[in-house]
Amino acid sequence: ISQGVKIIEGTPQEVQKHPDVIAAYLGEED
């Protein structure tokens, strides 16, 4: 969940590798 919105649903492996999840936790590159 990022800003109250579900980003992705799936297995832990799928979620861990999803670019939107990575961006939510680590921020986006400029």
PDB file of N, CA and C in Angstrom:
ATOM      1  N   ILE A   1       0.862  -1.179   0.000  1.00  0.00           N
ATOM      2  CA  ILE A   1       0.000   0.000   0.000  1.00  0.00           C
ATOM      3  C   ILE A   1       0.902   1.234   0.000  1.00  0.00           C
ATOM      4  N   SER A   2       0.626   2.123  -0.915  1.00  0.00           N
ATOM      5  CA  SER A   2       1.371   3.376  -1.002  1.00  0.00           C
ATOM      6  C   SER A   2       0.364   4.513  -1.075  1.00  0.00           C
ATOM      7  N   GLN A   3       0.422   5.408  -0.124  1.00  0.00           N
ATOM      8  CA  GLN A   3      -0.489   6.548  -0.043  1.00  0.00           C
ATOM      9  C   GLN A   3      -1.944   6.091  -0.047  1.00  0.00           C
ATOM     10  N   GLY A   4      -2.210   4.971   0.639  1.00  0.00           N
ATOM     11  CA  GLY A   4      -3.563   4.463   0.778  1.00  0.00           C
ATOM     12  C   GLY A   4      -4.079   3.667  -0.405  1.00  0.00           C
ATOM     13  N   VAL A   5      -3.231   3.406  -1.392  1.00  0.00           N
ATOM     14  CA  VAL A   5      -3.641   2.681  -2.594  1.00  0.00           C
ATOM     15  C   VAL A   5      -2.846   1.389  -2.696  1.00  0.00           C
ATOM     16  N   LYS A   6      -3.555   0.275  -2.952  1.00  0.00           N
ATOM     17  CA  LYS A   6      -2.869  -1.004  -3.133  1.00  0.00           C
ATOM     18  C   LYS A   6      -2.056  -0.947  -4.419  1.00  0.00           C
ATOM     19  N   ILE A   7      -0.780  -1.292  -4.336  1.00  0.00           N
ATOM     20  CA  ILE A   7       0.109  -1.221  -5.494  1.00  0.00           C
ATOM     21  C   ILE A   7      -0.025  -2.466  -6.357  1.00  0.00           C
ATOM     22  N   ILE A   8       0.061  -3.634  -5.722  1.00  0.00           N
ATOM     23  CA  ILE A   8       0.066  -4.897  -6.465  1.00  0.00           C
ATOM     24  C   ILE A   8      -0.421  -5.999  -5.546  1.00  0.00           C
ATOM     25  N   GLU A   9      -0.946  -7.034  -6.129  1.00  0.00           N
ATOM     26  CA  GLU A   9      -1.337  -8.225  -5.387  1.00  0.00           C
ATOM     27  C   GLU A   9      -0.667  -9.403  -6.077  1.00  0.00           C
ATOM     28  N   GLY A  10      -0.066 -10.290  -5.295  1.00  0.00           N
ATOM     29  CA  GLY A  10       0.587 -11.456  -5.872  1.00  0.00           C
ATOM     30  C   GLY A  10       1.404 -12.178  -4.826  1.00  0.00           C
ATOM     31  N   THR A  11       2.261 -13.063  -5.295  1.00  0.00           N
ATOM     32  CA  THR A  11       3.132 -13.800  -4.381  1.00  0.00           C
ATOM     33  C   THR A  11       4.187 -12.845  -3.829  1.00  0.00           C
ATOM     34  N   PRO A  12       4.789 -13.185  -2.697  1.00  0.00           N
ATOM     35  CA  PRO A  12       5.848 -12.323  -2.159  1.00  0.00           C
ATOM     36  C   PRO A  12       6.966 -12.064  -3.175  1.00  0.00           C
ATOM     37  N   GLN A  13       7.305 -13.062  -3.962  1.00  0.00           N
ATOM     38  CA  GLN A  13       8.360 -12.898  -4.962  1.00  0.00           C
ATOM     39  C   GLN A  13       7.950 -11.900  -6.049  1.00  0.00           C
ATOM     40  N   GLU A  14       6.698 -11.972  -6.490  1.00  0.00           N
ATOM     41  CA  GLU A  14       6.203 -11.039  -7.506  1.00  0.00           C
ATOM     42  C   GLU A  14       6.173  -9.614  -6.959  1.00  0.00           C
ATOM     43  N   VAL A  15       5.695  -9.484  -5.736  1.00  0.00           N
ATOM     44  CA  VAL A  15       5.575  -8.167  -5.119  1.00  0.00           C
ATOM     45  C   VAL A  15       6.954  -7.547  -4.922  1.00  0.00           C
ATOM     46  N   GLN A  16       7.906  -8.334  -4.443  1.00  0.00           N
ATOM     47  CA  GLN A  16       9.259  -7.839  -4.175  1.00  0.00           C
ATOM     48  C   GLN A  16       9.927  -7.279  -5.417  1.00  0.00           C
ATOM     49  N   LYS A  17       9.661  -7.861  -6.570  1.00  0.00           N
ATOM     50  CA  LYS A  17      10.351  -7.471  -7.801  1.00  0.00           C
ATOM     51  C   LYS A  17       9.593  -6.431  -8.624  1.00  0.00           C
ATOM     52  N   HIS A  18       8.380  -6.081  -8.205  1.00  0.00           N
ATOM     53  CA  HIS A  18       7.562  -5.153  -8.993  1.00  0.00           C
ATOM     54  C   HIS A  18       8.147  -3.737  -8.919  1.00  0.00           C
ATOM     55  N   PRO A  19       8.347  -3.077 -10.063  1.00  0.00           N
ATOM     56  CA  PRO A  19       8.962  -1.746 -10.076  1.00  0.00           C
ATOM     57  C   PRO A  19       8.209  -0.704  -9.249  1.00  0.00           C
ATOM     58  N   ASP A  20       6.890  -0.778  -9.199  1.00  0.00           N
ATOM     59  CA  ASP A  20       6.125   0.198  -8.416  1.00  0.00           C
ATOM     60  C   ASP A  20       6.367   0.021  -6.922  1.00  0.00           C
ATOM     61  N   VAL A  21       6.549  -1.207  -6.476  1.00  0.00           N
ATOM     62  CA  VAL A  21       6.834  -1.474  -5.064  1.00  0.00           C
ATOM     63  C   VAL A  21       8.226  -0.950  -4.726  1.00  0.00           C
ATOM     64  N   ILE A  22       9.179  -1.215  -5.583  1.00  0.00           N
ATOM     65  CA  ILE A  22      10.550  -0.742  -5.363  1.00  0.00           C
ATOM     66  C   ILE A  22      10.569   0.782  -5.294  1.00  0.00           C
ATOM     67  N   ALA A  23       9.863   1.443  -6.195  1.00  0.00           N
ATOM     68  CA  ALA A  23       9.814   2.907  -6.199  1.00  0.00           C
ATOM     69  C   ALA A  23       9.162   3.442  -4.931  1.00  0.00           C
ATOM     70  N   ALA A  24       8.123   2.772  -4.440  1.00  0.00           N
ATOM     71  CA  ALA A  24       7.430   3.224  -3.231  1.00  0.00           C
ATOM     72  C   ALA A  24       8.342   3.144  -2.008  1.00  0.00           C
ATOM     73  N   TYR A  25       9.177   2.111  -1.937  1.00  0.00           N
ATOM     74  CA  TYR A  25      10.045   1.935  -0.774  1.00  0.00           C
ATOM     75  C   TYR A  25      11.360   2.681  -0.887  1.00  0.00           C
ATOM     76  N   LEU A  26      11.936   2.725  -2.084  1.00  0.00           N
ATOM     77  CA  LEU A  26      13.265   3.305  -2.248  1.00  0.00           C
ATOM     78  C   LEU A  26      13.259   4.662  -2.931  1.00  0.00           C
ATOM     79  N   GLY A  27      12.140   5.054  -3.488  1.00  0.00           N
ATOM     80  CA  GLY A  27      12.065   6.295  -4.240  1.00  0.00           C
ATOM     81  C   GLY A  27      12.428   6.044  -5.695  1.00  0.00           C
ATOM     82  N   GLU A  28      12.115   7.005  -6.529  1.00  0.00           N
ATOM     83  CA  GLU A  28      12.382   6.863  -7.956  1.00  0.00           C
ATOM     84  C   GLU A  28      13.671   7.587  -8.307  1.00  0.00           C
ATOM     85  N   GLU A  29      14.364   7.081  -9.329  1.00  0.00           N
ATOM     86  CA  GLU A  29      15.573   7.737  -9.806  1.00  0.00           C
ATOM     87  C   GLU A  29      15.183   8.987 -10.577  1.00  0.00           C
ATOM     88  N   ASP A  30      15.997  10.015 -10.441  1.00  0.00           N
ATOM     89  CA  ASP A  30      15.737  11.263 -11.185  1.00  0.00           C
ATOM     90  C   ASP A  30      16.433  11.242 -12.517  1.00  0.00           C
TER      91      ASP A  30
END
